[in-house]
Amino acid sequence: MSVLINKKRCDNADVCSCISECPTHAFYWDRKNETVAVDNDLCINCRACMIACEAGAVKVARTDEEYNKIKKEYDEDAMTINELFKDRFGAGIINEKYDLSLENLDKLINDSDKYLLIEFYNLDESKCLINSILISDIIKKIDTNTSYRKINILDAKKLKKYGITSIPALIIIKNKKIIYKHEGFVNIKDKDKFLNSIIIDNK
């Protein structure tokens, strides 16, 4: 038996659900190479990893025929690492230039004359990149000159003044006023519905 990981769709987080759910600890975090790895000698074909992987990036091959079929599928997958590793709503931060502390948010709001897209997220509970909506798609819906920042926060109670009660959440600000708010993760399959819910008057 062999476990195959589609690294084009796996975001290689050290909190990978496959690591925590594997009953034999076949999955582990390879510190040297900074990647999710698997010891196939420990695999018992329970397929807990396939169920746990939110990205659908793990499959277990029981025969050589299955192995070759899965490997061919992964090799031909059109997804690329460059396309996967882009900032997305509800996922971990990719580009550190977008990182902002909550303490500096009010200053940013007061100083900016642009649309501001502010995301609040909890890094410990961030979702898989492959299931998350691209921030660039949201910005296109608002205004291409929109300024985006991402704030990692554990306690939603600290966001009461912004009308936020749960994380992840997004707010859009213009002229120091919140003109749009969304709370809760949005799966990529619901992207169009979510984007259509954002109504912006650019006049």
N, C-alpha and C. Protein backbone atom coordinates (compact mmCIF):
# COMPACT_ATOMS: atom_id res chain seq x y z
N MET A 1 0.84 -1.19 0.00
CA MET A 1 0.00 0.00 0.00
C MET A 1 0.88 1.25 0.00
N SER A 2 0.40 2.29 -0.69
CA SER A 2 1.14 3.55 -0.73
C SER A 2 0.19 4.72 -0.58
N VAL A 3 0.60 5.67 0.23
CA VAL A 3 -0.15 6.92 0.36
C VAL A 3 0.48 7.95 -0.54
N LEU A 4 -0.34 8.59 -1.36
CA LEU A 4 0.16 9.61 -2.26
C LEU A 4 -0.43 10.96 -1.86
N ILE A 5 0.41 11.98 -1.82
CA ILE A 5 -0.01 13.34 -1.47
C ILE A 5 0.17 14.23 -2.70
N ASN A 6 -0.89 14.88 -3.10
CA ASN A 6 -0.83 15.81 -4.22
C ASN A 6 -0.29 17.14 -3.71
N LYS A 7 1.02 17.36 -3.87
CA LYS A 7 1.65 18.56 -3.34
C LYS A 7 1.27 19.81 -4.11
N LYS A 8 0.54 19.65 -5.22
CA LYS A 8 0.03 20.82 -5.93
C LYS A 8 -1.19 21.41 -5.23
N ARG A 9 -1.79 20.61 -4.34
CA ARG A 9 -3.01 21.04 -3.65
C ARG A 9 -2.87 21.05 -2.13
N CYS A 10 -1.78 20.48 -1.63
CA CYS A 10 -1.52 20.45 -0.19
C CYS A 10 -0.76 21.72 0.20
N ASP A 11 -1.28 22.44 1.21
CA ASP A 11 -0.59 23.68 1.61
C ASP A 11 0.49 23.44 2.65
N ASN A 12 0.77 22.16 2.95
CA ASN A 12 1.92 21.80 3.78
C ASN A 12 1.94 22.48 5.14
N ALA A 13 0.79 22.55 5.78
CA ALA A 13 0.74 23.14 7.11
C ALA A 13 1.17 22.12 8.15
N ASP A 14 1.92 22.59 9.14
CA ASP A 14 2.39 21.65 10.17
C ASP A 14 1.27 21.21 11.11
N VAL A 15 0.08 21.81 10.94
CA VAL A 15 -1.09 21.39 11.72
C VAL A 15 -2.02 20.54 10.86
N CYS A 16 -1.47 19.92 9.84
CA CYS A 16 -2.23 19.08 8.91
C CYS A 16 -3.13 18.09 9.65
N SER A 17 -4.39 18.03 9.24
CA SER A 17 -5.34 17.13 9.89
C SER A 17 -4.98 15.66 9.71
N CYS A 18 -4.26 15.34 8.64
CA CYS A 18 -3.83 13.95 8.43
C CYS A 18 -2.87 13.50 9.53
N ILE A 19 -2.03 14.44 9.99
CA ILE A 19 -1.08 14.12 11.05
C ILE A 19 -1.82 13.79 12.34
N SER A 20 -2.82 14.60 12.65
CA SER A 20 -3.53 14.41 13.91
C SER A 20 -4.50 13.23 13.87
N GLU A 21 -5.00 12.89 12.68
CA GLU A 21 -6.02 11.84 12.59
C GLU A 21 -5.46 10.45 12.29
N CYS A 22 -4.23 10.36 11.81
CA CYS A 22 -3.65 9.05 11.48
C CYS A 22 -3.44 8.22 12.74
N PRO A 23 -4.10 7.07 12.87
CA PRO A 23 -4.01 6.27 14.10
C PRO A 23 -2.65 5.61 14.33
N THR A 24 -1.85 5.47 13.27
CA THR A 24 -0.55 4.81 13.42
C THR A 24 0.61 5.81 13.33
N HIS A 25 0.28 7.09 13.23
CA HIS A 25 1.28 8.16 13.11
C HIS A 25 2.15 7.98 11.86
N ALA A 26 1.55 7.44 10.82
CA ALA A 26 2.27 7.32 9.55
C ALA A 26 2.55 8.70 8.97
N PHE A 27 1.61 9.63 9.19
CA PHE A 27 1.82 11.01 8.76
C PHE A 27 2.60 11.77 9.83
N TYR A 28 3.52 12.61 9.39
CA TYR A 28 4.30 13.40 10.34
C TYR A 28 4.80 14.67 9.67
N TRP A 29 5.25 15.59 10.49
CA TRP A 29 5.81 16.83 9.97
C TRP A 29 7.32 16.67 9.86
N ASP A 30 7.82 16.73 8.63
CA ASP A 30 9.25 16.60 8.35
C ASP A 30 9.90 17.97 8.58
N ARG A 31 10.50 18.15 9.75
CA ARG A 31 11.07 19.45 10.11
C ARG A 31 12.22 19.86 9.20
N LYS A 32 13.03 18.88 8.79
CA LYS A 32 14.19 19.19 7.95
C LYS A 32 13.76 19.78 6.62
N ASN A 33 12.76 19.18 5.99
CA ASN A 33 12.30 19.64 4.68
C ASN A 33 11.06 20.52 4.75
N GLU A 34 10.57 20.74 5.98
CA GLU A 34 9.39 21.58 6.22
C GLU A 34 8.22 21.18 5.32
N THR A 35 7.82 19.93 5.47
CA THR A 35 6.74 19.42 4.64
C THR A 35 6.00 18.30 5.36
N VAL A 36 4.76 18.07 4.95
CA VAL A 36 4.00 16.93 5.44
C VAL A 36 4.55 15.68 4.76
N ALA A 37 4.83 14.65 5.54
CA ALA A 37 5.41 13.43 4.98
C ALA A 37 4.66 12.22 5.54
N VAL A 38 4.90 11.06 4.91
CA VAL A 38 4.22 9.85 5.35
C VAL A 38 5.18 8.66 5.29
N ASP A 39 5.10 7.82 6.31
CA ASP A 39 5.87 6.58 6.36
C ASP A 39 4.93 5.45 5.95
N ASN A 40 5.04 5.02 4.70
CA ASN A 40 4.11 4.02 4.17
C ASN A 40 4.20 2.67 4.89
N ASP A 41 5.30 2.41 5.56
CA ASP A 41 5.43 1.15 6.31
C ASP A 41 4.46 1.09 7.49
N LEU A 42 4.01 2.26 7.93
CA LEU A 42 3.09 2.32 9.07
C LEU A 42 1.62 2.39 8.64
N CYS A 43 1.39 2.51 7.35
CA CYS A 43 0.01 2.65 6.85
C CYS A 43 -0.75 1.32 6.99
N ILE A 44 -1.98 1.41 7.51
CA ILE A 44 -2.82 0.21 7.67
C ILE A 44 -4.06 0.28 6.78
N ASN A 45 -4.05 1.20 5.82
CA ASN A 45 -5.13 1.31 4.83
C ASN A 45 -6.49 1.64 5.47
N CYS A 46 -6.47 2.39 6.56
CA CYS A 46 -7.74 2.78 7.19
C CYS A 46 -8.39 3.95 6.46
N ARG A 47 -7.58 4.68 5.71
CA ARG A 47 -8.02 5.82 4.89
C ARG A 47 -8.56 6.98 5.71
N ALA A 48 -8.17 7.04 6.98
CA ALA A 48 -8.55 8.18 7.82
C ALA A 48 -7.99 9.47 7.24
N CYS A 49 -6.84 9.37 6.60
CA CYS A 49 -6.20 10.55 6.00
C CYS A 49 -7.04 11.12 4.86
N MET A 50 -7.62 10.25 4.06
CA MET A 50 -8.44 10.69 2.93
C MET A 50 -9.67 11.43 3.42
N ILE A 51 -10.22 10.98 4.54
CA ILE A 51 -11.40 11.62 5.12
C ILE A 51 -11.01 12.95 5.77
N ALA A 52 -9.86 12.97 6.41
CA ALA A 52 -9.43 14.16 7.16
C ALA A 52 -8.95 15.29 6.27
N CYS A 53 -8.40 14.97 5.11
CA CYS A 53 -7.80 16.00 4.26
C CYS A 53 -8.88 16.88 3.62
N GLU A 54 -8.96 18.13 4.07
CA GLU A 54 -9.95 19.06 3.54
C GLU A 54 -9.68 19.41 2.08
N ALA A 55 -8.44 19.30 1.67
CA ALA A 55 -8.08 19.66 0.30
C ALA A 55 -8.29 18.52 -0.69
N GLY A 56 -8.59 17.32 -0.19
CA GLY A 56 -8.73 16.17 -1.08
C GLY A 56 -7.42 15.83 -1.77
N ALA A 57 -6.32 16.10 -1.07
CA ALA A 57 -4.99 15.95 -1.67
C ALA A 57 -4.30 14.64 -1.30
N VAL A 58 -5.03 13.75 -0.62
CA VAL A 58 -4.42 12.49 -0.18
C VAL A 58 -5.26 11.30 -0.66
N LYS A 59 -4.58 10.30 -1.22
CA LYS A 59 -5.26 9.08 -1.62
C LYS A 59 -4.38 7.89 -1.27
N VAL A 60 -5.03 6.74 -1.00
CA VAL A 60 -4.31 5.52 -0.65
C VAL A 60 -4.46 4.51 -1.79
N ALA A 61 -3.34 4.06 -2.30
CA ALA A 61 -3.34 3.07 -3.37
C ALA A 61 -3.11 1.68 -2.78
N ARG A 62 -4.02 0.75 -3.10
CA ARG A 62 -3.90 -0.61 -2.56
C ARG A 62 -3.17 -1.53 -3.51
N THR A 63 -3.11 -1.14 -4.79
CA THR A 63 -2.44 -1.97 -5.80
C THR A 63 -1.54 -1.09 -6.66
N ASP A 64 -0.67 -1.74 -7.42
CA ASP A 64 0.19 -0.99 -8.34
C ASP A 64 -0.65 -0.25 -9.38
N GLU A 65 -1.73 -0.88 -9.80
CA GLU A 65 -2.62 -0.25 -10.79
C GLU A 65 -3.22 1.04 -10.23
N GLU A 66 -3.69 0.98 -8.98
CA GLU A 66 -4.25 2.17 -8.35
C GLU A 66 -3.17 3.25 -8.17
N TYR A 67 -1.99 2.82 -7.78
CA TYR A 67 -0.88 3.75 -7.59
C TYR A 67 -0.59 4.52 -8.87
N ASN A 68 -0.47 3.79 -9.98
CA ASN A 68 -0.15 4.43 -11.26
C ASN A 68 -1.27 5.37 -11.72
N LYS A 69 -2.51 4.97 -11.45
CA LYS A 69 -3.65 5.80 -11.83
C LYS A 69 -3.66 7.11 -11.04
N ILE A 70 -3.43 7.02 -9.73
CA ILE A 70 -3.42 8.21 -8.88
C ILE A 70 -2.24 9.11 -9.23
N LYS A 71 -1.07 8.50 -9.42
CA LYS A 71 0.12 9.28 -9.77
C LYS A 71 -0.09 10.03 -11.08
N LYS A 72 -0.71 9.39 -12.06
CA LYS A 72 -0.98 10.03 -13.35
C LYS A 72 -1.95 11.21 -13.16
N GLU A 73 -2.95 11.00 -12.31
CA GLU A 73 -3.92 12.06 -12.01
C GLU A 73 -3.24 13.27 -11.38
N TYR A 74 -2.34 13.01 -10.43
CA TYR A 74 -1.62 14.10 -9.77
C TYR A 74 -0.65 14.79 -10.73
N ASP A 75 0.04 14.01 -11.53
CA ASP A 75 1.00 14.59 -12.49
C ASP A 75 0.31 15.51 -13.50
N GLU A 76 -0.92 15.16 -13.86
CA GLU A 76 -1.64 15.92 -14.88
C GLU A 76 -2.53 17.02 -14.30
N ASP A 77 -2.55 17.14 -12.99
CA ASP A 77 -3.35 18.18 -12.34
C ASP A 77 -2.87 19.56 -12.78
N ALA A 78 -3.79 20.40 -13.22
CA ALA A 78 -3.44 21.72 -13.74
C ALA A 78 -3.08 22.73 -12.64
N MET A 79 -3.43 22.41 -11.40
CA MET A 79 -3.08 23.31 -10.30
C MET A 79 -1.57 23.40 -10.17
N THR A 80 -1.08 24.58 -9.75
CA THR A 80 0.35 24.78 -9.53
C THR A 80 0.56 25.35 -8.13
N ILE A 81 1.76 25.19 -7.61
CA ILE A 81 2.10 25.74 -6.30
C ILE A 81 1.96 27.25 -6.31
N ASN A 82 2.40 27.91 -7.40
CA ASN A 82 2.31 29.36 -7.47
C ASN A 82 0.87 29.84 -7.42
N GLU A 83 -0.03 29.08 -8.03
CA GLU A 83 -1.44 29.46 -8.01
C GLU A 83 -2.06 29.18 -6.65
N LEU A 84 -1.63 28.11 -6.01
CA LEU A 84 -2.18 27.75 -4.70
C LEU A 84 -1.77 28.74 -3.62
N PHE A 85 -0.49 29.08 -3.60
CA PHE A 85 0.03 29.91 -2.52
C PHE A 85 -0.16 31.40 -2.81
N LYS A 86 -1.41 31.81 -2.72
CA LYS A 86 -1.80 33.21 -2.82
C LYS A 86 -2.72 33.51 -1.65
N ASP A 87 -2.74 34.77 -1.23
CA ASP A 87 -3.55 35.11 -0.07
C ASP A 87 -5.03 34.88 -0.34
N ARG A 88 -5.67 34.21 0.60
CA ARG A 88 -7.07 33.82 0.46
C ARG A 88 -7.81 34.05 1.78
N PHE A 89 -9.09 34.32 1.66
CA PHE A 89 -9.91 34.60 2.83
C PHE A 89 -10.07 33.35 3.71
N GLY A 90 -9.76 33.51 5.00
CA GLY A 90 -9.93 32.42 5.95
C GLY A 90 -8.74 31.49 6.07
N ALA A 91 -7.74 31.68 5.22
CA ALA A 91 -6.54 30.84 5.24
C ALA A 91 -5.40 31.59 5.93
N GLY A 92 -4.28 30.91 6.12
CA GLY A 92 -3.12 31.56 6.71
C GLY A 92 -2.53 32.61 5.78
N ILE A 93 -1.80 33.54 6.35
CA ILE A 93 -1.21 34.62 5.56
C ILE A 93 -0.07 34.08 4.70
N ILE A 94 0.01 34.56 3.47
CA ILE A 94 1.08 34.18 2.54
C ILE A 94 2.08 35.31 2.39
N ASN A 95 1.58 36.50 2.07
CA ASN A 95 2.45 37.66 1.86
C ASN A 95 2.47 38.50 3.13
N GLU A 96 3.62 38.56 3.78
CA GLU A 96 3.73 39.25 5.07
C GLU A 96 3.46 40.74 4.98
N LYS A 97 3.51 41.32 3.79
CA LYS A 97 3.27 42.76 3.67
C LYS A 97 1.82 43.12 4.03
N TYR A 98 0.93 42.12 4.02
CA TYR A 98 -0.46 42.38 4.35
C TYR A 98 -0.73 42.26 5.85
N ASP A 99 0.25 41.80 6.61
CA ASP A 99 0.07 41.58 8.04
C ASP A 99 -0.10 42.91 8.78
N LEU A 100 -1.10 42.95 9.67
CA LEU A 100 -1.37 44.16 10.45
C LEU A 100 -1.78 43.77 11.85
N SER A 101 -1.37 44.55 12.83
CA SER A 101 -1.80 44.31 14.20
C SER A 101 -3.10 45.07 14.44
N LEU A 102 -3.92 44.54 15.33
CA LEU A 102 -5.20 45.19 15.63
C LEU A 102 -4.97 46.59 16.19
N GLU A 103 -3.86 46.77 16.91
CA GLU A 103 -3.56 48.07 17.51
C GLU A 103 -3.36 49.17 16.46
N ASN A 104 -2.96 48.78 15.26
CA ASN A 104 -2.69 49.77 14.21
C ASN A 104 -3.84 49.95 13.22
N LEU A 105 -4.93 49.24 13.45
CA LEU A 105 -6.05 49.30 12.51
C LEU A 105 -6.71 50.67 12.47
N ASP A 106 -6.99 51.26 13.61
CA ASP A 106 -7.67 52.56 13.62
C ASP A 106 -6.85 53.63 12.92
N LYS A 107 -5.54 53.58 13.09
CA LYS A 107 -4.67 54.56 12.42
C LYS A 107 -4.75 54.39 10.90
N LEU A 108 -4.76 53.14 10.45
CA LEU A 108 -4.87 52.87 9.02
C LEU A 108 -6.20 53.41 8.49
N ILE A 109 -7.27 53.19 9.23
CA ILE A 109 -8.60 53.66 8.81
C ILE A 109 -8.62 55.18 8.72
N ASN A 110 -8.04 55.85 9.69
CA ASN A 110 -8.05 57.31 9.72
C ASN A 110 -7.17 57.93 8.64
N ASP A 111 -6.10 57.23 8.26
CA ASP A 111 -5.12 57.80 7.32
C ASP A 111 -5.44 57.47 5.86
N SER A 112 -6.30 56.50 5.61
CA SER A 112 -6.51 56.03 4.24
C SER A 112 -7.68 56.72 3.55
N ASP A 113 -7.48 57.03 2.26
CA ASP A 113 -8.57 57.57 1.45
C ASP A 113 -9.03 56.54 0.41
N LYS A 114 -8.51 55.33 0.52
CA LYS A 114 -8.88 54.24 -0.38
C LYS A 114 -9.95 53.36 0.25
N TYR A 115 -10.49 52.45 -0.54
CA TYR A 115 -11.27 51.36 0.04
C TYR A 115 -10.30 50.49 0.83
N LEU A 116 -10.71 50.08 2.01
CA LEU A 116 -9.91 49.18 2.83
C LEU A 116 -10.64 47.85 2.96
N LEU A 117 -9.95 46.77 2.66
CA LEU A 117 -10.48 45.42 2.87
C LEU A 117 -9.69 44.83 4.02
N ILE A 118 -10.36 44.63 5.14
CA ILE A 118 -9.71 44.13 6.35
C ILE A 118 -10.24 42.74 6.66
N GLU A 119 -9.32 41.79 6.81
CA GLU A 119 -9.69 40.42 7.16
C GLU A 119 -9.23 40.10 8.58
N PHE A 120 -10.13 39.55 9.37
CA PHE A 120 -9.79 39.04 10.70
C PHE A 120 -9.81 37.51 10.62
N TYR A 121 -8.76 36.88 11.09
CA TYR A 121 -8.69 35.42 11.02
C TYR A 121 -7.94 34.88 12.22
N ASN A 122 -8.11 33.61 12.48
CA ASN A 122 -7.40 32.92 13.56
C ASN A 122 -6.45 31.93 12.91
N LEU A 123 -5.16 32.17 13.01
CA LEU A 123 -4.18 31.32 12.34
C LEU A 123 -4.31 29.86 12.77
N ASP A 124 -4.63 29.63 14.04
CA ASP A 124 -4.74 28.26 14.54
C ASP A 124 -5.93 27.51 13.95
N GLU A 125 -6.90 28.24 13.42
CA GLU A 125 -8.09 27.62 12.85
C GLU A 125 -8.25 27.94 11.36
N SER A 126 -7.16 28.36 10.72
CA SER A 126 -7.22 28.73 9.31
C SER A 126 -7.55 27.53 8.43
N LYS A 127 -8.20 27.79 7.31
CA LYS A 127 -8.65 26.75 6.40
C LYS A 127 -7.62 26.46 5.32
N CYS A 128 -7.82 25.35 4.62
CA CYS A 128 -6.92 24.98 3.52
C CYS A 128 -7.01 26.01 2.40
N LEU A 129 -5.87 26.33 1.82
CA LEU A 129 -5.84 27.31 0.73
C LEU A 129 -6.72 26.89 -0.44
N ILE A 130 -6.71 25.62 -0.75
CA ILE A 130 -7.41 25.14 -1.94
C ILE A 130 -8.92 25.37 -1.84
N ASN A 131 -9.45 25.49 -0.63
CA ASN A 131 -10.88 25.67 -0.43
C ASN A 131 -11.27 27.13 -0.23
N SER A 132 -10.30 28.03 -0.25
CA SER A 132 -10.54 29.42 0.12
C SER A 132 -10.57 30.35 -1.09
N ILE A 133 -11.30 31.44 -0.95
CA ILE A 133 -11.46 32.41 -2.04
C ILE A 133 -10.26 33.34 -2.11
N LEU A 134 -9.78 33.59 -3.31
CA LEU A 134 -8.66 34.50 -3.51
C LEU A 134 -9.03 35.92 -3.10
N ILE A 135 -8.15 36.55 -2.36
CA ILE A 135 -8.36 37.95 -1.99
C ILE A 135 -8.39 38.83 -3.24
N SER A 136 -7.59 38.48 -4.22
CA SER A 136 -7.55 39.27 -5.46
C SER A 136 -8.91 39.28 -6.16
N ASP A 137 -9.68 38.20 -6.05
CA ASP A 137 -11.02 38.16 -6.64
C ASP A 137 -11.96 39.10 -5.90
N ILE A 138 -11.79 39.20 -4.59
CA ILE A 138 -12.63 40.10 -3.80
C ILE A 138 -12.27 41.55 -4.13
N ILE A 139 -10.99 41.84 -4.26
CA ILE A 139 -10.55 43.19 -4.57
C ILE A 139 -11.07 43.64 -5.94
N LYS A 140 -11.07 42.74 -6.90
CA LYS A 140 -11.60 43.08 -8.23
C LYS A 140 -13.06 43.48 -8.15
N LYS A 141 -13.79 42.85 -7.25
CA LYS A 141 -15.21 43.17 -7.05
C LYS A 141 -15.39 44.55 -6.45
N ILE A 142 -14.44 44.98 -5.61
CA ILE A 142 -14.55 46.26 -4.91
C ILE A 142 -13.99 47.39 -5.77
N ASP A 143 -12.67 47.38 -5.91
CA ASP A 143 -11.94 48.41 -6.65
C ASP A 143 -10.50 47.95 -6.71
N THR A 144 -9.90 48.02 -7.88
CA THR A 144 -8.54 47.51 -8.03
C THR A 144 -7.52 48.29 -7.20
N ASN A 145 -7.91 49.46 -6.69
CA ASN A 145 -7.02 50.27 -5.88
C ASN A 145 -7.24 50.04 -4.38
N THR A 146 -8.00 48.99 -4.07
CA THR A 146 -8.30 48.67 -2.68
C THR A 146 -7.05 48.27 -1.91
N SER A 147 -6.95 48.72 -0.66
CA SER A 147 -5.84 48.34 0.21
C SER A 147 -6.30 47.21 1.13
N TYR A 148 -5.54 46.12 1.16
CA TYR A 148 -5.91 44.92 1.92
C TYR A 148 -4.96 44.68 3.08
N ARG A 149 -5.53 44.32 4.23
CA ARG A 149 -4.72 43.94 5.39
C ARG A 149 -5.36 42.73 6.08
N LYS A 150 -4.52 41.92 6.72
CA LYS A 150 -4.96 40.68 7.35
C LYS A 150 -4.52 40.69 8.82
N ILE A 151 -5.48 40.49 9.73
CA ILE A 151 -5.19 40.58 11.15
C ILE A 151 -5.47 39.24 11.83
N ASN A 152 -4.45 38.67 12.44
CA ASN A 152 -4.58 37.42 13.18
C ASN A 152 -5.03 37.73 14.60
N ILE A 153 -6.16 37.18 14.99
CA ILE A 153 -6.70 37.46 16.32
C ILE A 153 -7.42 36.24 16.86
N LEU A 154 -7.24 35.96 18.13
CA LEU A 154 -7.83 34.78 18.74
C LEU A 154 -9.22 35.03 19.32
N ASP A 155 -9.43 36.23 19.86
CA ASP A 155 -10.66 36.52 20.58
C ASP A 155 -11.53 37.51 19.81
N ALA A 156 -12.67 37.05 19.30
CA ALA A 156 -13.57 37.90 18.52
C ALA A 156 -14.16 39.02 19.38
N LYS A 157 -14.15 38.87 20.70
CA LYS A 157 -14.69 39.91 21.58
C LYS A 157 -13.94 41.23 21.41
N LYS A 158 -12.68 41.14 21.00
CA LYS A 158 -11.88 42.35 20.80
C LYS A 158 -12.33 43.14 19.57
N LEU A 159 -13.20 42.55 18.78
CA LEU A 159 -13.64 43.19 17.53
C LEU A 159 -15.04 43.78 17.65
N LYS A 160 -15.55 43.88 18.86
CA LYS A 160 -16.91 44.36 19.10
C LYS A 160 -17.14 45.74 18.49
N LYS A 161 -16.16 46.62 18.57
CA LYS A 161 -16.32 47.98 18.05
C LYS A 161 -16.47 48.02 16.53
N TYR A 162 -16.07 46.91 15.88
CA TYR A 162 -16.21 46.83 14.42
C TYR A 162 -17.44 46.02 14.02
N GLY A 163 -18.23 45.62 15.01
CA GLY A 163 -19.45 44.87 14.74
C GLY A 163 -19.21 43.41 14.40
N ILE A 164 -18.03 42.89 14.76
CA ILE A 164 -17.67 41.51 14.45
C ILE A 164 -17.87 40.63 15.69
N THR A 165 -18.53 39.50 15.51
CA THR A 165 -18.77 38.58 16.63
C THR A 165 -18.13 37.21 16.42
N SER A 166 -17.68 36.91 15.19
CA SER A 166 -17.05 35.61 14.93
C SER A 166 -15.97 35.75 13.86
N ILE A 167 -15.05 34.80 13.87
CA ILE A 167 -13.90 34.80 12.95
C ILE A 167 -13.92 33.50 12.15
N PRO A 168 -13.55 33.54 10.85
CA PRO A 168 -13.01 34.66 10.09
C PRO A 168 -14.09 35.66 9.69
N ALA A 169 -13.64 36.87 9.40
CA ALA A 169 -14.58 37.92 9.01
C ALA A 169 -13.88 38.91 8.09
N LEU A 170 -14.68 39.61 7.32
CA LEU A 170 -14.19 40.66 6.43
C LEU A 170 -15.00 41.92 6.66
N ILE A 171 -14.34 43.06 6.60
CA ILE A 171 -15.05 44.33 6.55
C ILE A 171 -14.46 45.17 5.42
N ILE A 172 -15.32 45.96 4.78
CA ILE A 172 -14.87 46.91 3.77
C ILE A 172 -15.15 48.30 4.31
N ILE A 173 -14.14 49.14 4.27
CA ILE A 173 -14.23 50.49 4.85
C ILE A 173 -13.96 51.53 3.77
N LYS A 174 -14.77 52.59 3.77
CA LYS A 174 -14.56 53.73 2.88
C LYS A 174 -14.91 54.99 3.65
N ASN A 175 -14.03 55.97 3.60
CA ASN A 175 -14.24 57.24 4.31
C ASN A 175 -14.50 57.00 5.80
N LYS A 176 -13.72 56.09 6.37
CA LYS A 176 -13.74 55.79 7.80
C LYS A 176 -15.02 55.09 8.26
N LYS A 177 -15.83 54.60 7.32
CA LYS A 177 -17.06 53.92 7.67
C LYS A 177 -17.07 52.50 7.13
N ILE A 178 -17.61 51.57 7.91
CA ILE A 178 -17.76 50.19 7.45
C ILE A 178 -18.97 50.13 6.52
N ILE A 179 -18.74 49.77 5.26
CA ILE A 179 -19.83 49.73 4.29
C ILE A 179 -20.24 48.30 3.92
N TYR A 180 -19.48 47.33 4.39
CA TYR A 180 -19.82 45.93 4.14
C TYR A 180 -19.16 45.08 5.21
N LYS A 181 -19.87 44.02 5.61
CA LYS A 181 -19.33 43.10 6.63
C LYS A 181 -19.75 41.68 6.30
N HIS A 182 -18.84 40.75 6.48
CA HIS A 182 -19.16 39.33 6.32
C HIS A 182 -18.46 38.54 7.41
N GLU A 183 -19.19 37.63 8.06
CA GLU A 183 -18.62 36.75 9.06
C GLU A 183 -18.79 35.30 8.63
N GLY A 184 -17.76 34.50 8.85
CA GLY A 184 -17.82 33.08 8.52
C GLY A 184 -17.05 32.73 7.27
N PHE A 185 -16.47 31.54 7.27
CA PHE A 185 -15.69 31.07 6.13
C PHE A 185 -16.58 30.86 4.91
N VAL A 186 -16.02 31.13 3.74
CA VAL A 186 -16.73 30.91 2.48
C VAL A 186 -15.94 29.94 1.63
N ASN A 187 -16.53 28.80 1.32
CA ASN A 187 -15.86 27.81 0.49
C ASN A 187 -15.77 28.29 -0.95
N ILE A 188 -14.74 27.90 -1.65
CA ILE A 188 -14.51 28.32 -3.03
C ILE A 188 -15.70 28.00 -3.93
N LYS A 189 -16.42 26.94 -3.63
CA LYS A 189 -17.56 26.56 -4.45
C LYS A 189 -18.70 27.58 -4.36
N ASP A 190 -18.68 28.42 -3.31
CA ASP A 190 -19.70 29.45 -3.13
C ASP A 190 -19.18 30.83 -3.50
N LYS A 191 -18.09 30.87 -4.26
CA LYS A 191 -17.44 32.14 -4.58
C LYS A 191 -18.38 33.12 -5.28
N ASP A 192 -19.05 32.69 -6.32
CA ASP A 192 -19.91 33.60 -7.10
C ASP A 192 -21.02 34.19 -6.24
N LYS A 193 -21.65 33.36 -5.44
CA LYS A 193 -22.72 33.82 -4.55
C LYS A 193 -22.18 34.85 -3.57
N PHE A 194 -21.00 34.59 -3.02
CA PHE A 194 -20.40 35.51 -2.06
C PHE A 194 -20.05 36.84 -2.73
N LEU A 195 -19.40 36.78 -3.88
CA LEU A 195 -19.01 38.01 -4.56
C LEU A 195 -20.22 38.85 -4.96
N ASN A 196 -21.29 38.18 -5.34
CA ASN A 196 -22.51 38.90 -5.72
C ASN A 196 -23.17 39.59 -4.54
N SER A 197 -22.82 39.14 -3.32
CA SER A 197 -23.39 39.75 -2.12
C SER A 197 -22.69 41.06 -1.76
N ILE A 198 -21.55 41.32 -2.38
CA ILE A 198 -20.80 42.54 -2.12
C ILE A 198 -21.28 43.63 -3.07
N ILE A 199 -22.01 44.59 -2.55
CA ILE A 199 -22.55 45.69 -3.33
C ILE A 199 -21.77 46.96 -2.98
N ILE A 200 -21.05 47.50 -3.97
CA ILE A 200 -20.21 48.67 -3.75
C ILE A 200 -20.63 49.77 -4.72
N ASP A 201 -20.86 50.95 -4.18
CA ASP A 201 -21.15 52.12 -5.02
C ASP A 201 -19.85 52.88 -5.24
N ASN A 202 -19.31 52.77 -6.44
CA ASN A 202 -18.02 53.41 -6.74
C ASN A 202 -18.15 54.84 -7.24
N LYS A 203 -19.33 55.39 -7.15
CA LYS A 203 -19.53 56.78 -7.61
C LYS A 203 -18.98 57.76 -6.59
